[in-house]
Structure formats: C-alpha cells, structure tokens
C-alpha cells in the first residue's frame, strides 16, 4: 500500500531518497482507479523525537502492502511544549484536528508522549486527547494506540490505571501470539521479538478483567498487543514495532550521556536482549572509560556509537509490517466509501469482525505462553 505525497511533507522525500520506499506523486495516485485509505497520525512526541517517530510510522504503513493508497495526515495537539523550529515545522506541514473532523478518517494512529506529572490526567495533552479519542470512537473505523496512548485510552474509557514498574522495561523481548485465529494475526509468526521502552505498565490481568482480548504476550515483556472487547475498534500496543534497529542504542547513549553530565545517579544498564556479545564488550569497556575519566577529572571520550551499531540486529520489523498489513487490510474491507462514516452498511460497530468472543475465565495455564 504505497504512501501518497499529497502534501509537501519532507518525510515523503526522505523515504524516497534514503530508504527506497514507494511514494506515489499526487497526480499519479489520482489516475489510479482504486479506493484510497485516509489515516490520521496524531504525533505527540517531544521535539527531539517528533520527526523520527513520524518517519518510523510512515515507513511501517507504506511498506506493509503495495496495493491500496495511503493518505496520511499528521497532526499534533496544541499546548505541548515546543521549540520555535519544531513549532514552525508543525505549522507548515501538519494538518489540524478540526480539518480532519470536517473531512473524516478511515483510521487513526496515536503515538506516545513525554510526561512530566504524576498522573496522566494532569498532563497538558489530556483534555484535547480525550476530545480526539471520543470523536474517533464514533467516527473512525479503527484506532491504533502506541505505548502511552494505550495507557491514556484505557484510563479514559475503562478506568484502568497504569502501574509504575520497579525498573524500566527496556530491551527486546520474545513474545507469543495468544490468539492465532484472530484476523489481525493471520499468517504471522507465532513467536517474535518486540522492543519495549517504558517505566509503566498495564498488565494482562487488568486488561482481561475489562474483557479486552490479549493477542500478543511475553512473560518477561508483558502485554504487547490487545484489542478492545469488540475485537477491532481499538488496537492497543505497549511495545514499539516502529522502532529502527538503532532506536534503543540512541536511548542508551542518551542515558549514558545523562550519567556523564551528572543528570543521572547510576550508570544505565544495557537494554535487555539487545546487545550481542561483541556490542556488550564495547559498551562495557566504554563504561569503564567513563568511570575512570570522571574519577580522574578528565574529559569523557565520545560514545562509541559507530563501533556498536554493526553488531545490532532488527528482529521485529517483518512481523510489525505483517500486523500493520492485517490491520489496514481489515480497515479497507470494513470502512465506508464515505470516509465520514466508519463502516459500510451491514457491519455491526459492536462486533465489526463478526468474531466477538464470549468473556472467558482465564486460568494460570491459559495465561502462560512459554514452551
């Protein structure tokens, strides 16, 4: 499903030139006799990650299938802390929620965001995010929530409070599919890796108590993917299938620099299951160098990013693309020709896939997904 460059967003040129992705020009797209899909992309990430996250999700969408056309409309929420440069970027290239309300959407993706308060409902994005989510639940075929957006959605609509983890869940974890026959998971690997990076968690028990369906789970990483009780209207992710191969390395470097500059008390651990032996050896030696330099009052040498990068693997991208392909394919099948109407005639919004499961009593045996 190729992306359509329907606006002068720099990410389209980036994907064409740097990544070799198919991006259709608007004139070419208009001459194809095919029903396009219109996706909203609510980007709430901070300035340093806004464009990177935009590119990651655009790539995941555009590479998932090569049949339909995607018109993606990035937008953000007023009131989030922004520097002048990034605010100008948003003003120039992003659309507004009001425009999307007027024109309609087939699907919506909501990213995470940085938080600065002890409770989500104290964040500046809380009220406008609730307005967007409430509108989407009535007017959009399906919403996909990433990380913090998942925590916000389940709190707002199901009174589920996320819980602080004893330590950051940070690394690449092996997961298993728990519902192999679910249409969102057809023909994908039953076991695959997913990166996680979060300090808070919504547990399997919390979601199942509210009749959510858990689709992908890891005993070590927790719930990666779940769906609302209707099985499709909201897809919840706690992991990050959009991450680049080096995303966790960038996070690790940032935390090491925070330690070196005195903004963090402890030296950060490696992201779990991410560094192979060679990468770990380089990272450990650099830790020794940093500690020795700080002890002796000497300048800290540059972080060995280029030395570590060749040893990193991406073990999640293909499955992430397959899940996005299934999700967008189902949106394509169910949505109305009029994008202001969420479903075609005859589709039950409370059971759009026609598979709504009867709530189950889960046993410890069912909750286990190990071999």
Protein backbone atom coordinates (compact mmCIF):
# COMPACT_ATOMS: atom_id res chain seq x y z
CA UNK A 1 0.00 0.00 0.00
CA UNK A 2 2.10 2.95 -1.19
CA UNK A 3 2.03 6.28 0.54
CA UNK A 4 0.73 9.23 -1.46
CA UNK A 5 2.67 12.50 -1.31
CA UNK A 6 -0.47 14.63 -1.10
CA UNK A 7 1.33 17.39 0.83
CA UNK A 8 4.94 18.70 0.79
CA UNK A 9 5.90 16.77 3.94
CA UNK A 10 9.71 16.29 3.98
CA UNK A 11 9.32 12.72 5.21
CA UNK A 12 7.99 11.67 1.80
CA UNK A 13 11.22 12.78 0.08
CA UNK A 14 13.28 11.20 2.87
CA UNK A 15 11.63 7.81 2.36
CA UNK A 16 12.05 8.01 -1.41
CA UNK A 17 15.69 9.01 -1.36
CA UNK A 18 17.10 7.41 1.77
CA UNK A 19 15.03 4.31 2.21
CA UNK A 20 13.93 3.34 -1.31
CA UNK A 21 10.23 3.23 -0.39
CA UNK A 22 7.50 3.64 -2.96
CA UNK A 23 5.79 7.01 -2.57
CA UNK A 24 3.29 8.00 -5.27
CA UNK A 25 3.02 11.54 -6.55
CA UNK A 26 -0.44 13.04 -6.20
CA UNK A 27 -1.09 13.18 -9.97
CA UNK A 28 -0.15 9.52 -10.39
CA UNK A 29 -2.32 8.50 -7.45
CA UNK A 30 -5.35 10.37 -8.78
CA UNK A 31 -5.20 8.45 -12.06
CA UNK A 32 -5.30 5.05 -10.36
CA UNK A 33 -8.79 3.56 -10.12
CA UNK A 34 -8.58 2.44 -6.50
CA UNK A 35 -10.17 3.33 -3.18
CA UNK A 36 -7.55 5.10 -1.07
CA UNK A 37 -7.36 4.98 2.71
CA UNK A 38 -7.17 8.16 4.80
CA UNK A 39 -5.21 7.80 8.05
CA UNK A 40 -4.76 10.33 10.81
CA UNK A 41 -1.41 10.32 12.59
CA UNK A 42 -1.56 12.08 15.96
CA UNK A 43 2.07 12.78 16.83
CA UNK A 44 2.51 13.84 20.46
CA UNK A 45 6.22 13.09 20.71
CA UNK A 46 8.61 15.77 22.01
CA UNK A 47 10.65 17.87 19.60
CA UNK A 48 13.73 15.61 19.56
CA UNK A 49 11.66 12.58 18.55
CA UNK A 50 8.82 14.13 16.54
CA UNK A 51 10.27 13.72 13.03
CA UNK A 52 11.93 10.38 13.78
CA UNK A 53 8.65 8.91 15.04
CA UNK A 54 6.82 10.36 12.05
CA UNK A 55 9.25 8.63 9.67
CA UNK A 56 9.15 5.33 11.54
CA UNK A 57 5.36 5.04 11.37
CA UNK A 58 5.19 6.30 7.79
CA UNK A 59 7.67 3.61 6.77
CA UNK A 60 5.74 0.92 8.62
CA UNK A 61 2.49 1.98 6.96
CA UNK A 62 3.92 2.38 3.48
CA UNK A 63 5.84 -0.90 3.43
CA UNK A 64 3.05 -3.10 4.79
CA UNK A 65 1.35 -3.67 1.42
CA UNK A 66 1.68 -2.47 -2.17
CA UNK A 67 -1.95 -2.36 -3.34
CA UNK A 68 -4.03 0.43 -1.79
CA UNK A 69 -3.02 4.08 -1.49
CA UNK A 70 -2.46 5.78 1.85
CA UNK A 71 -3.15 9.43 2.51
CA UNK A 72 -1.60 10.07 5.92
CA UNK A 73 -2.44 13.28 7.78
CA UNK A 74 -0.01 14.11 10.61
CA UNK A 75 -1.33 16.42 13.31
CA UNK A 76 -0.49 17.27 16.88
CA UNK A 77 -2.07 18.75 20.00
CA UNK A 78 -1.82 22.45 20.89
CA UNK A 79 -0.25 23.18 24.25
CA UNK A 80 2.56 20.63 24.14
CA UNK A 81 5.98 22.17 24.87
CA UNK A 82 7.55 23.07 21.53
CA UNK A 83 10.63 24.98 20.45
CA UNK A 84 10.20 27.59 17.70
CA UNK A 85 11.81 25.42 14.99
CA UNK A 86 9.61 22.39 15.56
CA UNK A 87 6.50 24.53 16.03
CA UNK A 88 7.20 26.08 12.64
CA UNK A 89 7.56 22.57 11.16
CA UNK A 90 4.16 21.60 12.58
CA UNK A 91 2.57 24.82 11.37
CA UNK A 92 3.92 24.27 7.87
CA UNK A 93 3.42 20.55 7.34
CA UNK A 94 0.83 19.27 9.81
CA UNK A 95 -2.93 19.48 9.49
CA UNK A 96 -5.38 20.24 12.32
CA UNK A 97 -7.89 18.10 14.16
CA UNK A 98 -10.66 20.44 13.04
CA UNK A 99 -9.82 19.75 9.38
CA UNK A 100 -9.86 16.00 10.00
CA UNK A 101 -13.21 16.23 11.75
CA UNK A 102 -14.58 18.03 8.72
CA UNK A 103 -13.20 15.63 6.11
CA UNK A 104 -13.27 12.32 8.00
CA UNK A 105 -10.78 9.49 8.51
CA UNK A 106 -10.72 5.74 7.93
CA UNK A 107 -8.21 5.01 10.70
CA UNK A 108 -6.16 6.81 13.33
CA UNK A 109 -2.73 6.15 14.87
CA UNK A 110 -1.86 7.84 18.18
CA UNK A 111 1.74 7.98 19.39
CA UNK A 112 3.11 8.21 22.90
CA UNK A 113 4.27 11.41 24.58
CA UNK A 114 6.62 12.60 27.30
CA UNK A 115 5.05 13.05 30.72
CA UNK A 116 6.04 15.44 33.47
CA UNK A 117 3.28 14.90 36.04
CA UNK A 118 2.46 12.01 38.39
CA UNK A 119 -0.94 11.38 36.75
CA UNK A 120 -1.86 11.34 33.06
CA UNK A 121 -4.94 13.48 33.61
CA UNK A 122 -2.64 16.29 34.82
CA UNK A 123 -0.77 16.46 31.51
CA UNK A 124 -1.45 19.33 29.07
CA UNK A 125 -2.41 16.83 26.37
CA UNK A 126 -5.10 15.11 28.46
CA UNK A 127 -8.19 17.19 27.62
CA UNK A 128 -7.54 17.60 23.88
CA UNK A 129 -6.55 13.93 23.63
CA UNK A 130 -9.84 12.90 25.24
CA UNK A 131 -11.73 15.03 22.73
CA UNK A 132 -9.90 13.36 19.83
CA UNK A 133 -10.39 9.85 21.22
CA UNK A 134 -14.10 10.44 21.88
CA UNK A 135 -14.61 11.67 18.32
CA UNK A 136 -12.61 8.77 16.87
CA UNK A 137 -14.66 6.17 18.74
CA UNK A 138 -17.76 7.42 16.94
CA UNK A 139 -16.34 8.31 13.53
CA UNK A 140 -13.26 6.18 12.73
CA UNK A 141 -13.20 2.51 11.73
CA UNK A 142 -10.24 1.61 13.97
CA UNK A 143 -7.74 3.39 16.22
CA UNK A 144 -4.22 2.10 16.90
CA UNK A 145 -2.65 3.35 20.15
CA UNK A 146 1.08 3.23 20.82
CA UNK A 147 2.61 2.98 24.29
CA UNK A 148 1.47 5.97 26.37
CA UNK A 149 -1.57 6.44 24.13
CA UNK A 150 -2.62 2.93 25.19
CA UNK A 151 -2.29 3.89 28.85
CA UNK A 152 -4.29 7.09 28.28
CA UNK A 153 -7.07 5.35 26.35
CA UNK A 154 -7.64 2.57 28.89
CA UNK A 155 -7.65 5.11 31.72
CA UNK A 156 -10.09 7.47 29.99
CA UNK A 157 -12.57 4.85 28.76
CA UNK A 158 -12.12 1.90 31.11
CA UNK A 159 -10.76 3.40 34.38
CA UNK A 160 -7.66 1.21 34.15
CA UNK A 161 -4.69 2.84 35.89
CA UNK A 162 -1.23 2.05 34.65
CA UNK A 163 1.27 0.97 37.30
CA UNK A 164 4.84 2.06 37.86
CA UNK A 165 7.33 -0.72 37.18
CA UNK A 166 10.08 -1.41 39.73
CA UNK A 167 12.61 -0.78 36.95
CA UNK A 168 12.33 0.38 33.36
CA UNK A 169 11.20 -2.29 30.90
CA UNK A 170 13.79 -1.66 28.27
CA UNK A 171 15.05 -4.01 25.61
CA UNK A 172 13.94 -6.56 23.02
CA UNK A 173 11.68 -9.33 24.31
CA UNK A 174 10.36 -12.52 22.76
CA UNK A 175 6.55 -12.68 22.54
CA UNK A 176 3.99 -15.27 21.54
CA UNK A 177 0.68 -14.93 19.75
CA UNK A 178 -2.13 -15.99 22.08
CA UNK A 179 -5.00 -15.98 19.55
CA UNK A 180 -3.65 -17.50 16.34
CA UNK A 181 -7.03 -17.36 14.56
CA UNK A 182 -7.66 -13.67 15.18
CA UNK A 183 -7.82 -11.81 11.81
CA UNK A 184 -5.24 -9.27 12.97
CA UNK A 185 -2.72 -12.09 13.43
CA UNK A 186 -3.33 -14.30 10.42
CA UNK A 187 -0.21 -15.67 8.73
CA UNK A 188 2.31 -14.04 11.06
CA UNK A 189 4.99 -15.69 13.16
CA UNK A 190 3.60 -17.19 16.33
CA UNK A 191 6.78 -16.16 18.19
CA UNK A 192 8.64 -12.93 17.51
CA UNK A 193 10.57 -10.10 19.15
CA UNK A 194 9.29 -6.64 20.08
CA UNK A 195 11.24 -3.69 21.55
CA UNK A 196 9.86 -2.12 24.74
CA UNK A 197 10.87 1.10 26.44
CA UNK A 198 8.66 2.23 29.31
CA UNK A 199 8.54 2.86 33.05
CA UNK A 200 4.85 1.99 33.45
CA UNK A 201 2.70 -0.99 32.58
CA UNK A 202 -0.87 -2.09 32.07
CA UNK A 203 -0.95 -5.77 32.99
CA UNK A 204 -2.61 -8.72 31.34
CA UNK A 205 -4.86 -9.17 34.38
CA UNK A 206 -6.03 -5.54 34.28
CA UNK A 207 -6.97 -5.81 30.61
CA UNK A 208 -8.60 -9.22 30.81
CA UNK A 209 -10.68 -8.11 33.79
CA UNK A 210 -12.15 -5.43 31.49
CA UNK A 211 -12.85 -8.04 28.74
CA UNK A 212 -10.03 -6.96 26.46
CA UNK A 213 -8.58 -9.68 24.24
CA UNK A 214 -4.83 -10.20 24.65
CA UNK A 215 -3.31 -11.03 21.27
CA UNK A 216 0.47 -10.91 21.84
CA UNK A 217 2.12 -11.51 25.20
CA UNK A 218 5.52 -12.10 26.80
CA UNK A 219 6.12 -13.41 30.29
CA UNK A 220 9.11 -11.08 30.51
CA UNK A 221 7.97 -8.11 28.41
CA UNK A 222 4.28 -8.14 29.32
CA UNK A 223 1.37 -7.40 27.01
CA UNK A 224 2.43 -6.11 23.61
CA UNK A 225 -0.88 -6.16 21.76
CA UNK A 226 -4.51 -6.24 22.84
CA UNK A 227 -7.85 -5.22 21.36
CA UNK A 228 -10.98 -3.66 22.76
CA UNK A 229 -13.87 -6.02 23.67
CA UNK A 230 -15.36 -5.53 20.17
CA UNK A 231 -12.11 -7.06 18.80
CA UNK A 232 -11.17 -4.26 16.40
CA UNK A 233 -12.28 -0.69 17.13
CA UNK A 234 -9.16 -0.01 19.24
CA UNK A 235 -5.83 -1.81 18.91
CA UNK A 236 -3.51 -1.32 21.89
CA UNK A 237 0.28 -1.62 21.71
CA UNK A 238 2.74 -1.33 24.59
CA UNK A 239 5.78 -2.31 22.52
CA UNK A 240 7.35 -0.45 19.61
CA UNK A 241 7.24 -2.31 16.29
CA UNK A 242 8.03 1.00 14.56
CA UNK A 243 11.49 1.27 16.17
CA UNK A 244 14.58 1.41 13.98
CA UNK A 245 17.44 -1.04 14.53
CA UNK A 246 19.36 1.70 16.37
CA UNK A 247 16.50 3.26 18.36
CA UNK A 248 17.40 1.54 21.62
CA UNK A 249 21.08 2.35 21.04
CA UNK A 250 20.17 6.04 20.77
CA UNK A 251 18.23 5.79 24.04
CA UNK A 252 21.12 4.01 25.73
CA UNK A 253 23.56 6.67 24.51
CA UNK A 254 21.28 9.41 25.84
CA UNK A 255 21.15 7.81 29.28
CA UNK A 256 24.93 7.30 29.35
CA UNK A 257 25.41 10.98 28.49
CA UNK A 258 23.00 11.94 31.27
CA UNK A 259 25.14 9.96 33.72
CA UNK A 260 28.35 11.54 32.40
CA UNK A 261 26.87 15.02 32.82
CA UNK A 262 25.62 14.35 36.35
CA UNK A 263 21.91 14.20 35.47
CA UNK A 264 21.59 10.54 36.40
CA UNK A 265 22.90 8.87 39.56
CA UNK A 266 23.51 5.35 38.29
CA UNK A 267 25.17 4.16 35.09
CA UNK A 268 22.42 2.76 32.84
CA UNK A 269 22.21 -1.00 32.26
CA UNK A 270 22.23 -2.42 28.74
CA UNK A 271 18.82 -2.68 27.07
CA UNK A 272 17.89 -6.32 27.72
CA UNK A 273 18.46 -8.90 24.95
CA UNK A 274 19.63 -6.18 22.54
CA UNK A 275 23.43 -6.21 22.60
CA UNK A 276 25.20 -9.31 21.33
CA UNK A 277 28.50 -10.31 22.93
CA UNK A 278 30.64 -8.00 20.79
CA UNK A 279 28.36 -4.99 21.33
CA UNK A 280 28.22 -5.65 25.06
CA UNK A 281 32.02 -5.83 25.25
CA UNK A 282 32.36 -2.43 23.59
CA UNK A 283 29.67 -0.90 25.79
CA UNK A 284 31.20 -2.34 28.98
CA UNK A 285 34.66 -1.06 28.14
CA UNK A 286 33.24 2.40 27.45
CA UNK A 287 31.59 2.28 30.88
CA UNK A 288 34.99 1.62 32.44
CA UNK A 289 36.42 4.57 30.50
CA UNK A 290 33.64 6.89 31.60
CA UNK A 291 34.02 5.94 35.28
CA UNK A 292 37.80 6.30 35.12
CA UNK A 293 37.61 9.71 33.42
CA UNK A 294 35.09 11.02 35.92
CA UNK A 295 37.19 9.74 38.81
CA UNK A 296 40.30 11.46 37.43
CA UNK A 297 38.53 14.64 36.34
CA UNK A 298 39.33 14.04 32.67
CA UNK A 299 37.05 14.68 29.65
CA UNK A 300 34.78 11.76 28.78
CA UNK A 301 35.54 10.37 25.29
CA UNK A 302 32.78 10.21 22.64
CA UNK A 303 30.25 7.40 22.91
CA UNK A 304 31.25 4.50 20.58
CA UNK A 305 28.02 4.52 18.60
CA UNK A 306 29.64 3.66 15.27
CA UNK A 307 31.56 0.76 16.82
CA UNK A 308 28.43 -0.79 18.37
CA UNK A 309 25.96 -0.26 15.52
CA UNK A 310 27.25 -3.01 13.15
CA UNK A 311 26.53 -5.62 15.81
CA UNK A 312 22.86 -4.70 16.23
CA UNK A 313 20.02 -6.72 14.70
CA UNK A 314 16.42 -5.88 13.85
CA UNK A 315 14.34 -8.92 14.79
CA UNK A 316 10.89 -7.30 14.83
CA UNK A 317 10.37 -5.33 11.59
CA UNK A 318 8.87 -8.07 9.37
CA UNK A 319 6.27 -9.09 11.94
CA UNK A 320 5.42 -5.46 12.63
CA UNK A 321 4.79 -4.91 8.91
CA UNK A 322 2.63 -8.04 8.76
CA UNK A 323 0.46 -6.89 11.67
CA UNK A 324 0.05 -3.43 10.14
CA UNK A 325 -0.84 -5.07 6.82
CA UNK A 326 -3.56 -7.14 8.51
CA UNK A 327 -4.89 -4.12 10.41
CA UNK A 328 -5.04 -1.83 7.39
CA UNK A 329 -6.44 -4.59 5.19
CA UNK A 330 -9.31 -5.07 7.63
CA UNK A 331 -9.91 -1.31 7.76
CA UNK A 332 -10.04 -1.35 3.96
CA UNK A 333 -12.63 -4.14 3.97
CA UNK A 334 -14.88 -2.64 6.64
CA UNK A 335 -14.79 1.11 6.14
CA UNK A 336 -17.46 3.01 4.24
CA UNK A 337 -16.78 4.57 0.84
CA UNK A 338 -17.67 7.86 2.55
CA UNK A 339 -14.80 8.39 4.99
CA UNK A 340 -17.10 10.36 7.29
CA UNK A 341 -18.93 7.10 8.01
CA UNK A 342 -16.90 4.45 9.88
CA UNK A 343 -18.46 1.27 8.45
CA UNK A 344 -20.12 0.03 5.33
CA UNK A 345 -23.77 -0.91 5.56
CA UNK A 346 -24.44 -4.13 7.44
CA UNK A 347 -21.36 -4.01 9.71
CA UNK A 348 -22.11 -4.13 13.44
CA UNK A 349 -19.89 -1.50 15.17
CA UNK A 350 -20.04 -3.58 18.35
CA UNK A 351 -18.70 -6.64 16.50
CA UNK A 352 -17.20 -5.40 13.21
CA UNK A 353 -15.25 -8.61 12.50
CA UNK A 354 -18.16 -10.87 13.43
CA UNK A 355 -16.00 -12.77 15.91
CA UNK A 356 -16.66 -11.12 19.26
CA UNK A 357 -15.61 -13.65 21.84
CA UNK A 358 -17.55 -14.58 24.92
CA UNK A 359 -15.70 -13.34 28.04
CA UNK A 360 -13.64 -16.19 29.46
CA UNK A 361 -12.42 -17.18 32.86
CA UNK A 362 -8.65 -17.31 32.48
CA UNK A 363 -6.56 -19.89 34.27
CA UNK A 364 -2.88 -19.72 35.01
CA UNK A 365 -2.40 -22.37 32.30
CA UNK A 366 -4.11 -20.15 29.70
CA UNK A 367 -2.09 -17.15 30.84
CA UNK A 368 1.19 -18.99 30.28
CA UNK A 369 2.67 -18.69 26.81
CA UNK A 370 6.01 -20.38 27.42
CA UNK A 371 7.06 -23.58 25.68
